[in-house]
Amino acid sequence: MKTKRRFWPAIGLFFLSPLVAEFLLGNLPITALFAVIGLAPLYGGGAVLIREFVRRRGWGYPSILALALAYGVLEEGVTTQSLFNPNYADLRLLDPGHIGFLGMGAPWTLFVLTLHTVWSITVPIVLVEAVSKRPREPWLGKVGLWVMSVLFVIGVAATTLIQLKNDSFVASPAQFTGVALVFFALIGLAARLGTKETIRRPGGVPAVWLAGLISLAVTSAFMLLDNLDLNGWLTASIYLVGWVVATLVILYWSRSESWTKQHVLALASGALLTYAWHAFPESPVFDAPKTVDLIGNAIFAVLAVVLLVVARRSSARSPNGW
């Protein structure tokens, strides 16, 4: 019975990850909800495996972020190859800020990898752990891990085959080699971050509500920047500076004695609300009547708010346990 109860958070994360990554974002309309079954092995499988890998070793969220970035490199560098395909989805995403010798676009690379690092993987993990009664314990046994691993491999393979069927572009051996090197380097970074001792410093941090508001403002600015018709290199520079500043600020806050898991949830909450509002002006990749699309966006936004309320109450009841 105990194993059964532990398994449900993994199932929740398995489906929450694609729902946030594609539907809450507004990339897919509610009429395409059936697609979550096909997306879950890739997104959800990756999120669950990352979470299990980190928690079984007693590591923290910095390691989750590093592995989430590795996931993004794998998906966009191998399965969709959007990092290298000059005409991916007929959008010419690599033209702005094009890096010729790499065959990549600087702003697109930073943008899409941020989406996966923050929203596809980390935010769903934070939210499900907040409502779980065993947030730091493994949720899966050996059989569950094998099943999830197989599902993830199937998700990667299926996405790759579908992409190749729709577009015959294949990256060069050098580009695939670069992806592999970065992927394994990020795994090494996750291990380094996980085993590094954190020394707490005295001093305060922003109130929980303020941390959430800052997260909402920063992530909203990040999404809005993608819609501005700026020079590609200027956009990439702003993204890069934002990455560095946000990382340093959060690292500084998290080393304070006043930093709590409620602050972590607040950061995830702000990011989730950004996706919720972003869906309304976003045009889905699948055709859907405008009214139906807006209704779907409203439904997903309301569900996101409900999830945040439940997560806030659950974590408040056991602040030390989470």
C-alpha atoms as a PDB file:
ATOM      1  CA  MET A   1       0.000   0.000   0.000  1.00  0.00           C
ATOM      2  CA  LYS A   2       2.860   2.341   0.761  1.00  0.00           C
ATOM      3  CA  THR A   3       4.377   1.792  -2.718  1.00  0.00           C
ATOM      4  CA  LYS A   4       0.986   2.530  -4.295  1.00  0.00           C
ATOM      5  CA  ARG A   5       0.666   5.809  -2.464  1.00  0.00           C
ATOM      6  CA  ARG A   6       4.177   6.805  -3.453  1.00  0.00           C
ATOM      7  CA  PHE A   7       3.546   6.031  -7.100  1.00  0.00           C
ATOM      8  CA  TRP A   8       0.750   8.555  -7.598  1.00  0.00           C
ATOM      9  CA  PRO A   9       2.953  11.686  -7.460  1.00  0.00           C
ATOM     10  CA  ALA A  10       5.074  10.186 -10.255  1.00  0.00           C
ATOM     11  CA  ILE A  11       1.937   9.656 -12.332  1.00  0.00           C
ATOM     12  CA  GLY A  12       0.882  13.239 -11.616  1.00  0.00           C
ATOM     13  CA  LEU A  13       4.269  14.586 -12.716  1.00  0.00           C
ATOM     14  CA  PHE A  14       4.210  12.323 -15.794  1.00  0.00           C
ATOM     15  CA  PHE A  15       1.116  14.126 -17.112  1.00  0.00           C
ATOM     16  CA  LEU A  16       1.619  17.572 -15.565  1.00  0.00           C
ATOM     17  CA  SER A  17       4.889  18.161 -17.407  1.00  0.00           C
ATOM     18  CA  PRO A  18       3.427  17.994 -20.956  1.00  0.00           C
ATOM     19  CA  LEU A  19       0.290  19.848 -19.852  1.00  0.00           C
ATOM     20  CA  VAL A  20       2.418  22.773 -18.666  1.00  0.00           C
ATOM     21  CA  ALA A  21       4.956  22.560 -21.496  1.00  0.00           C
ATOM     22  CA  GLU A  22       2.471  22.587 -24.374  1.00  0.00           C
ATOM     23  CA  PHE A  23      -1.092  23.317 -23.251  1.00  0.00           C
ATOM     24  CA  LEU A  24      -0.699  25.932 -20.518  1.00  0.00           C
ATOM     25  CA  LEU A  25       1.818  27.680 -22.781  1.00  0.00           C
ATOM     26  CA  GLY A  26      -0.862  27.939 -25.456  1.00  0.00           C
ATOM     27  CA  ASN A  27       1.148  26.000 -28.009  1.00  0.00           C
ATOM     28  CA  LEU A  28      -1.576  23.353 -28.253  1.00  0.00           C
ATOM     29  CA  PRO A  29      -5.338  24.013 -27.995  1.00  0.00           C
ATOM     30  CA  ILE A  30      -7.661  22.085 -25.729  1.00  0.00           C
ATOM     31  CA  THR A  31      -9.072  20.316 -28.796  1.00  0.00           C
ATOM     32  CA  ALA A  32      -5.698  18.549 -29.074  1.00  0.00           C
ATOM     33  CA  LEU A  33      -5.788  17.310 -25.484  1.00  0.00           C
ATOM     34  CA  PHE A  34      -5.489  13.733 -26.747  1.00  0.00           C
ATOM     35  CA  ALA A  35      -1.897  14.578 -27.694  1.00  0.00           C
ATOM     36  CA  VAL A  36      -0.908  14.536 -24.016  1.00  0.00           C
ATOM     37  CA  ILE A  37      -0.808  10.727 -24.251  1.00  0.00           C
ATOM     38  CA  GLY A  38       1.868  10.944 -26.909  1.00  0.00           C
ATOM     39  CA  LEU A  39       3.757  13.801 -25.259  1.00  0.00           C
ATOM     40  CA  ALA A  40       3.840  12.358 -21.737  1.00  0.00           C
ATOM     41  CA  PRO A  41       6.535   9.692 -22.361  1.00  0.00           C
ATOM     42  CA  LEU A  42       8.958  12.383 -23.563  1.00  0.00           C
ATOM     43  CA  TYR A  43       8.174  15.310 -21.259  1.00  0.00           C
ATOM     44  CA  GLY A  44       6.754  13.421 -18.298  1.00  0.00           C
ATOM     45  CA  GLY A  45       9.199  10.541 -18.568  1.00  0.00           C
ATOM     46  CA  GLY A  46      12.101  12.991 -18.576  1.00  0.00           C
ATOM     47  CA  ALA A  47      10.745  14.955 -15.609  1.00  0.00           C
ATOM     48  CA  VAL A  48      10.095  11.844 -13.495  1.00  0.00           C
ATOM     49  CA  LEU A  49      13.493  10.297 -14.252  1.00  0.00           C
ATOM     50  CA  ILE A  50      15.304  13.551 -13.452  1.00  0.00           C
ATOM     51  CA  ARG A  51      13.406  13.910 -10.193  1.00  0.00           C
ATOM     52  CA  GLU A  52      14.043  10.295  -9.157  1.00  0.00           C
ATOM     53  CA  PHE A  53      17.724  10.462 -10.115  1.00  0.00           C
ATOM     54  CA  VAL A  54      18.259  13.606  -8.043  1.00  0.00           C
ATOM     55  CA  ARG A  55      16.246  12.642  -4.968  1.00  0.00           C
ATOM     56  CA  ARG A  56      17.753   9.158  -4.719  1.00  0.00           C
ATOM     57  CA  ARG A  57      21.129  10.832  -4.346  1.00  0.00           C
ATOM     58  CA  GLY A  58      19.988  13.469  -1.884  1.00  0.00           C
ATOM     59  CA  TRP A  59      20.676  16.327  -4.282  1.00  0.00           C
ATOM     60  CA  GLY A  60      18.710  19.569  -4.520  1.00  0.00           C
ATOM     61  CA  TYR A  61      17.060  21.860  -7.043  1.00  0.00           C
ATOM     62  CA  PRO A  62      20.330  23.156  -8.569  1.00  0.00           C
ATOM     63  CA  SER A  63      20.960  19.603  -9.792  1.00  0.00           C
ATOM     64  CA  ILE A  64      17.401  19.396 -11.109  1.00  0.00           C
ATOM     65  CA  LEU A  65      17.944  22.612 -13.066  1.00  0.00           C
ATOM     66  CA  ALA A  66      21.195  21.310 -14.584  1.00  0.00           C
ATOM     67  CA  LEU A  67      19.534  18.047 -15.642  1.00  0.00           C
ATOM     68  CA  ALA A  68      16.500  19.958 -16.939  1.00  0.00           C
ATOM     69  CA  LEU A  69      18.860  21.919 -19.168  1.00  0.00           C
ATOM     70  CA  ALA A  70      20.406  18.630 -20.303  1.00  0.00           C
ATOM     71  CA  TYR A  71      16.903  17.420 -21.167  1.00  0.00           C
ATOM     72  CA  GLY A  72      16.348  20.543 -23.271  1.00  0.00           C
ATOM     73  CA  VAL A  73      19.619  19.972 -25.117  1.00  0.00           C
ATOM     74  CA  LEU A  74      18.568  16.380 -25.842  1.00  0.00           C
ATOM     75  CA  GLU A  75      15.080  17.271 -27.065  1.00  0.00           C
ATOM     76  CA  GLU A  76      15.991  20.262 -29.197  1.00  0.00           C
ATOM     77  CA  GLY A  77      19.378  18.968 -30.320  1.00  0.00           C
ATOM     78  CA  VAL A  78      18.429  15.380 -31.165  1.00  0.00           C
ATOM     79  CA  THR A  79      14.678  14.716 -31.245  1.00  0.00           C
ATOM     80  CA  THR A  80      13.396  17.880 -32.960  1.00  0.00           C
ATOM     81  CA  GLN A  81      16.835  19.201 -34.030  1.00  0.00           C
ATOM     82  CA  SER A  82      15.407  22.716 -33.854  1.00  0.00           C
ATOM     83  CA  LEU A  83      18.794  23.971 -32.610  1.00  0.00           C
ATOM     84  CA  PHE A  84      20.299  23.201 -36.030  1.00  0.00           C
ATOM     85  CA  ASN A  85      17.445  23.039 -38.572  1.00  0.00           C
ATOM     86  CA  PRO A  86      17.505  26.398 -40.438  1.00  0.00           C
ATOM     87  CA  ASN A  87      13.856  26.073 -41.474  1.00  0.00           C
ATOM     88  CA  TYR A  88      12.354  24.186 -38.540  1.00  0.00           C
ATOM     89  CA  ALA A  89       8.540  24.301 -38.805  1.00  0.00           C
ATOM     90  CA  ASP A  90       9.026  26.785 -41.701  1.00  0.00           C
ATOM     91  CA  LEU A  91       9.820  29.512 -39.170  1.00  0.00           C
ATOM     92  CA  ARG A  92      13.475  30.392 -39.952  1.00  0.00           C
ATOM     93  CA  LEU A  93      14.218  30.442 -36.225  1.00  0.00           C
ATOM     94  CA  LEU A  94      17.986  30.408 -36.676  1.00  0.00           C
ATOM     95  CA  ASP A  95      18.285  33.492 -38.883  1.00  0.00           C
ATOM     96  CA  PRO A  96      18.370  36.075 -36.036  1.00  0.00           C
ATOM     97  CA  GLY A  97      21.747  36.024 -34.305  1.00  0.00           C
ATOM     98  CA  HIS A  98      22.974  33.212 -36.538  1.00  0.00           C
ATOM     99  CA  ILE A  99      26.235  31.541 -35.462  1.00  0.00           C
ATOM    100  CA  GLY A 100      27.630  30.282 -38.754  1.00  0.00           C
ATOM    101  CA  PHE A 101      30.272  27.824 -37.596  1.00  0.00           C
ATOM    102  CA  LEU A 102      27.808  26.167 -35.205  1.00  0.00           C
ATOM    103  CA  GLY A 103      24.810  26.326 -37.509  1.00  0.00           C
ATOM    104  CA  MET A 104      22.713  27.706 -34.624  1.00  0.00           C
ATOM    105  CA  GLY A 105      20.724  30.825 -33.755  1.00  0.00           C
ATOM    106  CA  ALA A 106      21.785  32.454 -30.484  1.00  0.00           C
ATOM    107  CA  PRO A 107      18.395  33.862 -29.371  1.00  0.00           C
ATOM    108  CA  TRP A 108      16.434  30.741 -30.322  1.00  0.00           C
ATOM    109  CA  THR A 109      18.907  28.478 -28.504  1.00  0.00           C
ATOM    110  CA  LEU A 110      18.714  30.494 -25.289  1.00  0.00           C
ATOM    111  CA  PHE A 111      14.943  30.888 -25.542  1.00  0.00           C
ATOM    112  CA  VAL A 112      13.958  27.273 -26.167  1.00  0.00           C
ATOM    113  CA  LEU A 113      16.428  25.816 -23.661  1.00  0.00           C
ATOM    114  CA  THR A 114      15.061  28.167 -21.006  1.00  0.00           C
ATOM    115  CA  LEU A 115      11.527  26.975 -21.749  1.00  0.00           C
ATOM    116  CA  HIS A 116      12.519  23.362 -21.109  1.00  0.00           C
ATOM    117  CA  THR A 117      14.766  24.075 -18.123  1.00  0.00           C
ATOM    118  CA  VAL A 118      12.243  26.195 -16.248  1.00  0.00           C
ATOM    119  CA  TRP A 119       8.777  25.201 -17.409  1.00  0.00           C
ATOM    120  CA  SER A 120       8.902  21.732 -18.973  1.00  0.00           C
ATOM    121  CA  ILE A 121      10.814  20.108 -16.113  1.00  0.00           C
ATOM    122  CA  THR A 122      11.595  22.183 -13.009  1.00  0.00           C
ATOM    123  CA  VAL A 123       8.262  23.931 -12.391  1.00  0.00           C
ATOM    124  CA  PRO A 124       6.206  20.692 -12.601  1.00  0.00           C
ATOM    125  CA  ILE A 125       8.640  18.948 -10.245  1.00  0.00           C
ATOM    126  CA  VAL A 126       8.397  21.758  -7.670  1.00  0.00           C
ATOM    127  CA  LEU A 127       4.599  21.768  -7.817  1.00  0.00           C
ATOM    128  CA  VAL A 128       4.142  18.004  -7.492  1.00  0.00           C
ATOM    129  CA  GLU A 129       6.674  17.801  -4.674  1.00  0.00           C
ATOM    130  CA  ALA A 130       4.805  20.583  -2.886  1.00  0.00           C
ATOM    131  CA  VAL A 131       1.596  18.528  -2.772  1.00  0.00           C
ATOM    132  CA  SER A 132       3.331  15.202  -2.100  1.00  0.00           C
ATOM    133  CA  LYS A 133       3.516  13.736   1.389  1.00  0.00           C
ATOM    134  CA  ARG A 134       6.985  12.362   0.543  1.00  0.00           C
ATOM    135  CA  PRO A 135       8.627  15.173  -1.419  1.00  0.00           C
ATOM    136  CA  ARG A 136      12.220  14.064  -0.841  1.00  0.00           C
ATOM    137  CA  GLU A 137      11.768  10.298  -1.028  1.00  0.00           C
ATOM    138  CA  PRO A 138      11.837   8.114  -4.165  1.00  0.00           C
ATOM    139  CA  TRP A 139       8.406   7.617  -5.671  1.00  0.00           C
ATOM    140  CA  LEU A 140       9.265   4.639  -7.848  1.00  0.00           C
ATOM    141  CA  GLY A 141      10.639   1.186  -7.168  1.00  0.00           C
ATOM    142  CA  LYS A 142      12.905  -0.731  -9.538  1.00  0.00           C
ATOM    143  CA  VAL A 143      10.036  -1.844 -11.748  1.00  0.00           C
ATOM    144  CA  GLY A 144       8.632   1.670 -11.898  1.00  0.00           C
ATOM    145  CA  LEU A 145      12.017   3.078 -12.876  1.00  0.00           C
ATOM    146  CA  TRP A 146      12.399   0.522 -15.660  1.00  0.00           C
ATOM    147  CA  VAL A 147       8.906   1.256 -16.963  1.00  0.00           C
ATOM    148  CA  MET A 148       9.517   5.010 -16.893  1.00  0.00           C
ATOM    149  CA  SER A 149      12.905   4.591 -18.592  1.00  0.00           C
ATOM    150  CA  VAL A 150      11.355   2.517 -21.382  1.00  0.00           C
ATOM    151  CA  LEU A 151       8.567   5.070 -21.813  1.00  0.00           C
ATOM    152  CA  PHE A 152      11.105   7.883 -22.035  1.00  0.00           C
ATOM    153  CA  VAL A 153      13.158   6.055 -24.667  1.00  0.00           C
ATOM    154  CA  ILE A 154       9.968   5.399 -26.633  1.00  0.00           C
ATOM    155  CA  GLY A 155       9.078   9.093 -26.323  1.00  0.00           C
ATOM    156  CA  VAL A 156      12.482  10.196 -27.617  1.00  0.00           C
ATOM    157  CA  ALA A 157      12.423   7.688 -30.472  1.00  0.00           C
ATOM    158  CA  ALA A 158       8.836   8.459 -31.480  1.00  0.00           C
ATOM    159  CA  THR A 159       9.401  12.222 -31.462  1.00  0.00           C
ATOM    160  CA  THR A 160      12.560  11.806 -33.528  1.00  0.00           C
ATOM    161  CA  LEU A 161      10.857   9.577 -36.104  1.00  0.00           C
ATOM    162  CA  ILE A 162       7.857  11.891 -36.406  1.00  0.00           C
ATOM    163  CA  GLN A 163      10.143  14.864 -36.901  1.00  0.00           C
ATOM    164  CA  LEU A 164      12.179  13.058 -39.578  1.00  0.00           C
ATOM    165  CA  LYS A 165       8.965  12.059 -41.319  1.00  0.00           C
ATOM    166  CA  ASN A 166       7.839  15.685 -41.453  1.00  0.00           C
ATOM    167  CA  ASP A 167      11.262  17.142 -42.248  1.00  0.00           C
ATOM    168  CA  SER A 168      14.205  15.249 -43.724  1.00  0.00           C
ATOM    169  CA  PHE A 169      16.784  17.577 -42.159  1.00  0.00           C
ATOM    170  CA  VAL A 170      19.529  15.808 -40.203  1.00  0.00           C
ATOM    171  CA  ALA A 171      22.203  17.629 -38.207  1.00  0.00           C
ATOM    172  CA  SER A 172      25.868  17.022 -38.954  1.00  0.00           C
ATOM    173  CA  PRO A 173      27.982  14.488 -37.025  1.00  0.00           C
ATOM    174  CA  ALA A 174      29.899  17.391 -35.488  1.00  0.00           C
ATOM    175  CA  GLN A 175      26.665  18.948 -34.225  1.00  0.00           C
ATOM    176  CA  PHE A 176      25.472  15.676 -32.715  1.00  0.00           C
ATOM    177  CA  THR A 177      28.882  15.259 -31.093  1.00  0.00           C
ATOM    178  CA  GLY A 178      28.588  18.729 -29.594  1.00  0.00           C
ATOM    179  CA  VAL A 179      25.138  17.864 -28.220  1.00  0.00           C
ATOM    180  CA  ALA A 180      26.519  14.701 -26.604  1.00  0.00           C
ATOM    181  CA  LEU A 181      29.427  16.575 -25.014  1.00  0.00           C
ATOM    182  CA  VAL A 182      27.171  19.282 -23.586  1.00  0.00           C
ATOM    183  CA  PHE A 183      24.628  16.700 -22.415  1.00  0.00           C
ATOM    184  CA  PHE A 184      27.163  14.699 -20.412  1.00  0.00           C
ATOM    185  CA  ALA A 185      28.893  17.849 -19.153  1.00  0.00           C
ATOM    186  CA  LEU A 186      25.567  18.995 -17.682  1.00  0.00           C
ATOM    187  CA  ILE A 187      25.126  15.629 -15.969  1.00  0.00           C
ATOM    188  CA  GLY A 188      28.575  16.118 -14.461  1.00  0.00           C
ATOM    189  CA  LEU A 189      27.589  19.622 -13.372  1.00  0.00           C
ATOM    190  CA  ALA A 190      24.448  18.234 -11.717  1.00  0.00           C
ATOM    191  CA  ALA A 191      26.620  15.802  -9.740  1.00  0.00           C
ATOM    192  CA  ARG A 192      29.015  18.574  -8.761  1.00  0.00           C
ATOM    193  CA  LEU A 193      26.188  20.813  -7.595  1.00  0.00           C
ATOM    194  CA  GLY A 194      24.567  17.945  -5.719  1.00  0.00           C
ATOM    195  CA  THR A 195      27.638  17.049  -3.723  1.00  0.00           C
ATOM    196  CA  LYS A 196      28.728  20.620  -3.001  1.00  0.00           C
ATOM    197  CA  GLU A 197      28.070  21.651   0.584  1.00  0.00           C
ATOM    198  CA  THR A 198      25.883  24.733   0.959  1.00  0.00           C
ATOM    199  CA  ILE A 199      26.993  27.132   3.656  1.00  0.00           C
ATOM    200  CA  ARG A 200      24.091  29.174   4.974  1.00  0.00           C
ATOM    201  CA  ARG A 201      24.656  32.891   5.525  1.00  0.00           C
ATOM    202  CA  PRO A 202      22.854  35.196   7.913  1.00  0.00           C
ATOM    203  CA  GLY A 203      20.557  37.789   6.416  1.00  0.00           C
ATOM    204  CA  GLY A 204      17.103  38.189   5.024  1.00  0.00           C
ATOM    205  CA  VAL A 205      15.439  37.415   1.718  1.00  0.00           C
ATOM    206  CA  PRO A 206      12.346  38.862   0.034  1.00  0.00           C
ATOM    207  CA  ALA A 207       8.987  37.875   1.483  1.00  0.00           C
ATOM    208  CA  VAL A 208       7.443  34.822  -0.146  1.00  0.00           C
ATOM    209  CA  TRP A 209       4.781  36.867  -1.955  1.00  0.00           C
ATOM    210  CA  LEU A 210       7.439  39.281  -3.235  1.00  0.00           C
ATOM    211  CA  ALA A 211       9.611  36.425  -4.525  1.00  0.00           C
ATOM    212  CA  GLY A 212       6.597  35.148  -6.461  1.00  0.00           C
ATOM    213  CA  LEU A 213       5.861  38.606  -7.855  1.00  0.00           C
ATOM    214  CA  ILE A 214       9.481  39.030  -8.944  1.00  0.00           C
ATOM    215  CA  SER A 215       9.369  35.632 -10.639  1.00  0.00           C
ATOM    216  CA  LEU A 216       6.162  36.578 -12.472  1.00  0.00           C
ATOM    217  CA  ALA A 217       7.670  39.883 -13.631  1.00  0.00           C
ATOM    218  CA  VAL A 218      10.982  38.403 -14.784  1.00  0.00           C
ATOM    219  CA  THR A 219       9.505  35.398 -16.587  1.00  0.00           C
ATOM    220  CA  SER A 220       6.839  37.620 -18.188  1.00  0.00           C
ATOM    221  CA  ALA A 221       9.557  39.958 -19.479  1.00  0.00           C
ATOM    222  CA  PHE A 222      11.377  36.908 -20.831  1.00  0.00           C
ATOM    223  CA  MET A 223       8.323  35.769 -22.808  1.00  0.00           C
ATOM    224  CA  LEU A 224       7.497  39.278 -24.040  1.00  0.00           C
ATOM    225  CA  LEU A 225      11.029  39.797 -25.330  1.00  0.00           C
ATOM    226  CA  ASP A 226      10.512  36.950 -27.790  1.00  0.00           C
ATOM    227  CA  ASN A 227       7.723  38.952 -29.444  1.00  0.00           C
ATOM    228  CA  LEU A 228       9.738  42.142 -29.888  1.00  0.00           C
ATOM    229  CA  ASP A 229      11.326  42.754 -33.261  1.00  0.00           C
ATOM    230  CA  LEU A 230      14.823  43.381 -31.922  1.00  0.00           C
ATOM    231  CA  ASN A 231      18.197  42.602 -33.412  1.00  0.00           C
ATOM    232  CA  GLY A 232      18.973  38.910 -32.841  1.00  0.00           C
ATOM    233  CA  TRP A 233      22.254  39.558 -31.083  1.00  0.00           C
ATOM    234  CA  LEU A 234      20.661  42.168 -28.818  1.00  0.00           C
ATOM    235  CA  THR A 235      17.921  39.699 -27.876  1.00  0.00           C
ATOM    236  CA  ALA A 236      20.482  36.963 -27.193  1.00  0.00           C
ATOM    237  CA  SER A 237      22.547  39.352 -25.061  1.00  0.00           C
ATOM    238  CA  ILE A 238      19.510  40.287 -22.969  1.00  0.00           C
ATOM    239  CA  TYR A 239      18.643  36.606 -22.518  1.00  0.00           C
ATOM    240  CA  LEU A 240      22.193  35.764 -21.479  1.00  0.00           C
ATOM    241  CA  VAL A 241      22.445  38.643 -19.015  1.00  0.00           C
ATOM    242  CA  GLY A 242      19.046  37.666 -17.620  1.00  0.00           C
ATOM    243  CA  TRP A 243      20.198  34.055 -17.168  1.00  0.00           C
ATOM    244  CA  VAL A 244      23.330  35.127 -15.306  1.00  0.00           C
ATOM    245  CA  VAL A 245      21.636  37.716 -13.092  1.00  0.00           C
ATOM    246  CA  ALA A 246      18.694  35.457 -12.217  1.00  0.00           C
ATOM    247  CA  THR A 247      21.027  32.577 -11.383  1.00  0.00           C
ATOM    248  CA  LEU A 248      23.261  34.703  -9.165  1.00  0.00           C
ATOM    249  CA  VAL A 249      20.320  36.311  -7.360  1.00  0.00           C
ATOM    250  CA  ILE A 250      18.588  32.997  -6.664  1.00  0.00           C
ATOM    251  CA  LEU A 251      21.852  31.420  -5.517  1.00  0.00           C
ATOM    252  CA  TYR A 252      22.406  34.360  -3.171  1.00  0.00           C
ATOM    253  CA  TRP A 253      18.885  34.150  -1.772  1.00  0.00           C
ATOM    254  CA  SER A 254      18.950  30.357  -1.395  1.00  0.00           C
ATOM    255  CA  ARG A 255      22.068  30.485   0.754  1.00  0.00           C
ATOM    256  CA  SER A 256      20.329  32.634   3.344  1.00  0.00           C
ATOM    257  CA  GLU A 257      19.159  31.136   6.625  1.00  0.00           C
ATOM    258  CA  SER A 258      15.774  32.747   5.911  1.00  0.00           C
ATOM    259  CA  TRP A 259      15.283  30.923   2.600  1.00  0.00           C
ATOM    260  CA  THR A 260      12.500  28.322   2.728  1.00  0.00           C
ATOM    261  CA  LYS A 261      10.783  25.873   0.412  1.00  0.00           C
ATOM    262  CA  GLN A 262       7.917  28.355   0.326  1.00  0.00           C
ATOM    263  CA  HIS A 263      10.221  30.685  -1.597  1.00  0.00           C
ATOM    264  CA  VAL A 264      10.989  27.911  -4.077  1.00  0.00           C
ATOM    265  CA  LEU A 265       7.268  27.347  -4.578  1.00  0.00           C
ATOM    266  CA  ALA A 266       6.758  31.089  -5.014  1.00  0.00           C
ATOM    267  CA  LEU A 267       9.340  31.196  -7.822  1.00  0.00           C
ATOM    268  CA  ALA A 268       7.664  28.254  -9.561  1.00  0.00           C
ATOM    269  CA  SER A 269       4.234  29.847  -9.062  1.00  0.00           C
ATOM    270  CA  GLY A 270       5.288  33.094 -10.739  1.00  0.00           C
ATOM    271  CA  ALA A 271       6.654  31.178 -13.712  1.00  0.00           C
ATOM    272  CA  LEU A 272       3.480  29.074 -13.990  1.00  0.00           C
ATOM    273  CA  LEU A 273       1.280  32.184 -14.028  1.00  0.00           C
ATOM    274  CA  THR A 274       3.410  33.611 -16.833  1.00  0.00           C
ATOM    275  CA  TYR A 275       2.559  30.625 -19.016  1.00  0.00           C
ATOM    276  CA  ALA A 276      -1.102  31.016 -18.033  1.00  0.00           C
ATOM    277  CA  TRP A 277      -1.404  34.585 -19.366  1.00  0.00           C
ATOM    278  CA  HIS A 278       0.912  33.920 -22.309  1.00  0.00           C
ATOM    279  CA  ALA A 279      -1.516  31.354 -23.748  1.00  0.00           C
ATOM    280  CA  PHE A 280      -4.160  33.979 -24.580  1.00  0.00           C
ATOM    281  CA  PRO A 281      -2.186  35.966 -27.205  1.00  0.00           C
ATOM    282  CA  GLU A 282      -0.349  32.826 -28.388  1.00  0.00           C
ATOM    283  CA  SER A 283      -1.458  31.196 -31.658  1.00  0.00           C
ATOM    284  CA  PRO A 284      -1.612  27.384 -31.328  1.00  0.00           C
ATOM    285  CA  VAL A 285       0.205  25.213 -33.849  1.00  0.00           C
ATOM    286  CA  PHE A 286      -2.998  23.241 -34.478  1.00  0.00           C
ATOM    287  CA  ASP A 287      -5.964  25.059 -35.987  1.00  0.00           C
ATOM    288  CA  ALA A 288      -8.819  25.653 -33.556  1.00  0.00           C
ATOM    289  CA  PRO A 289     -11.735  28.117 -33.498  1.00  0.00           C
ATOM    290  CA  LYS A 290     -10.650  31.263 -31.680  1.00  0.00           C
ATOM    291  CA  THR A 291     -13.471  31.031 -29.143  1.00  0.00           C
ATOM    292  CA  VAL A 292     -12.696  27.383 -28.383  1.00  0.00           C
ATOM    293  CA  ASP A 293      -8.997  28.211 -28.030  1.00  0.00           C
ATOM    294  CA  LEU A 294      -9.715  31.042 -25.578  1.00  0.00           C
ATOM    295  CA  ILE A 295     -12.058  28.850 -23.549  1.00  0.00           C
ATOM    296  CA  GLY A 296      -9.360  26.182 -23.397  1.00  0.00           C
ATOM    297  CA  ASN A 297      -6.777  28.753 -22.290  1.00  0.00           C
ATOM    298  CA  ALA A 298      -9.146  29.929 -19.556  1.00  0.00           C
ATOM    299  CA  ILE A 299      -9.724  26.356 -18.361  1.00  0.00           C
ATOM    300  CA  PHE A 300      -5.996  25.617 -18.172  1.00  0.00           C
ATOM    301  CA  ALA A 301      -5.345  28.950 -16.429  1.00  0.00           C
ATOM    302  CA  VAL A 302      -7.996  28.235 -13.791  1.00  0.00           C
ATOM    303  CA  LEU A 303      -6.610  24.737 -13.249  1.00  0.00           C
ATOM    304  CA  ALA A 304      -3.131  26.230 -12.845  1.00  0.00           C
ATOM    305  CA  VAL A 305      -4.394  28.620 -10.157  1.00  0.00           C
ATOM    306  CA  VAL A 306      -6.207  25.769  -8.382  1.00  0.00           C
ATOM    307  CA  LEU A 307      -3.001  23.733  -8.424  1.00  0.00           C
ATOM    308  CA  LEU A 308      -1.066  26.643  -6.936  1.00  0.00           C
ATOM    309  CA  VAL A 309      -3.616  27.051  -4.145  1.00  0.00           C
ATOM    310  CA  VAL A 310      -3.472  23.335  -3.332  1.00  0.00           C
ATOM    311  CA  ALA A 311       0.337  23.373  -3.442  1.00  0.00           C
ATOM    312  CA  ARG A 312       0.489  26.428  -1.180  1.00  0.00           C
ATOM    313  CA  ARG A 313      -1.833  24.889   1.398  1.00  0.00           C
ATOM    314  CA  SER A 314      -0.137  21.491   1.288  1.00  0.00           C
ATOM    315  CA  SER A 315       3.328  22.939   1.732  1.00  0.00           C
ATOM    316  CA  ALA A 316       2.142  25.261   4.498  1.00  0.00           C
ATOM    317  CA  ARG A 317       0.909  22.268   6.505  1.00  0.00           C
ATOM    318  CA  SER A 318       4.329  20.645   6.437  1.00  0.00           C
ATOM    319  CA  PRO A 319       6.936  23.370   5.798  1.00  0.00           C
ATOM    320  CA  ASN A 320       9.724  21.363   7.380  1.00  0.00           C
ATOM    321  CA  GLY A 321       8.851  18.149   5.550  1.00  0.00           C
ATOM    322  CA  TRP A 322       8.956  19.861   2.173  1.00  0.00           C
END
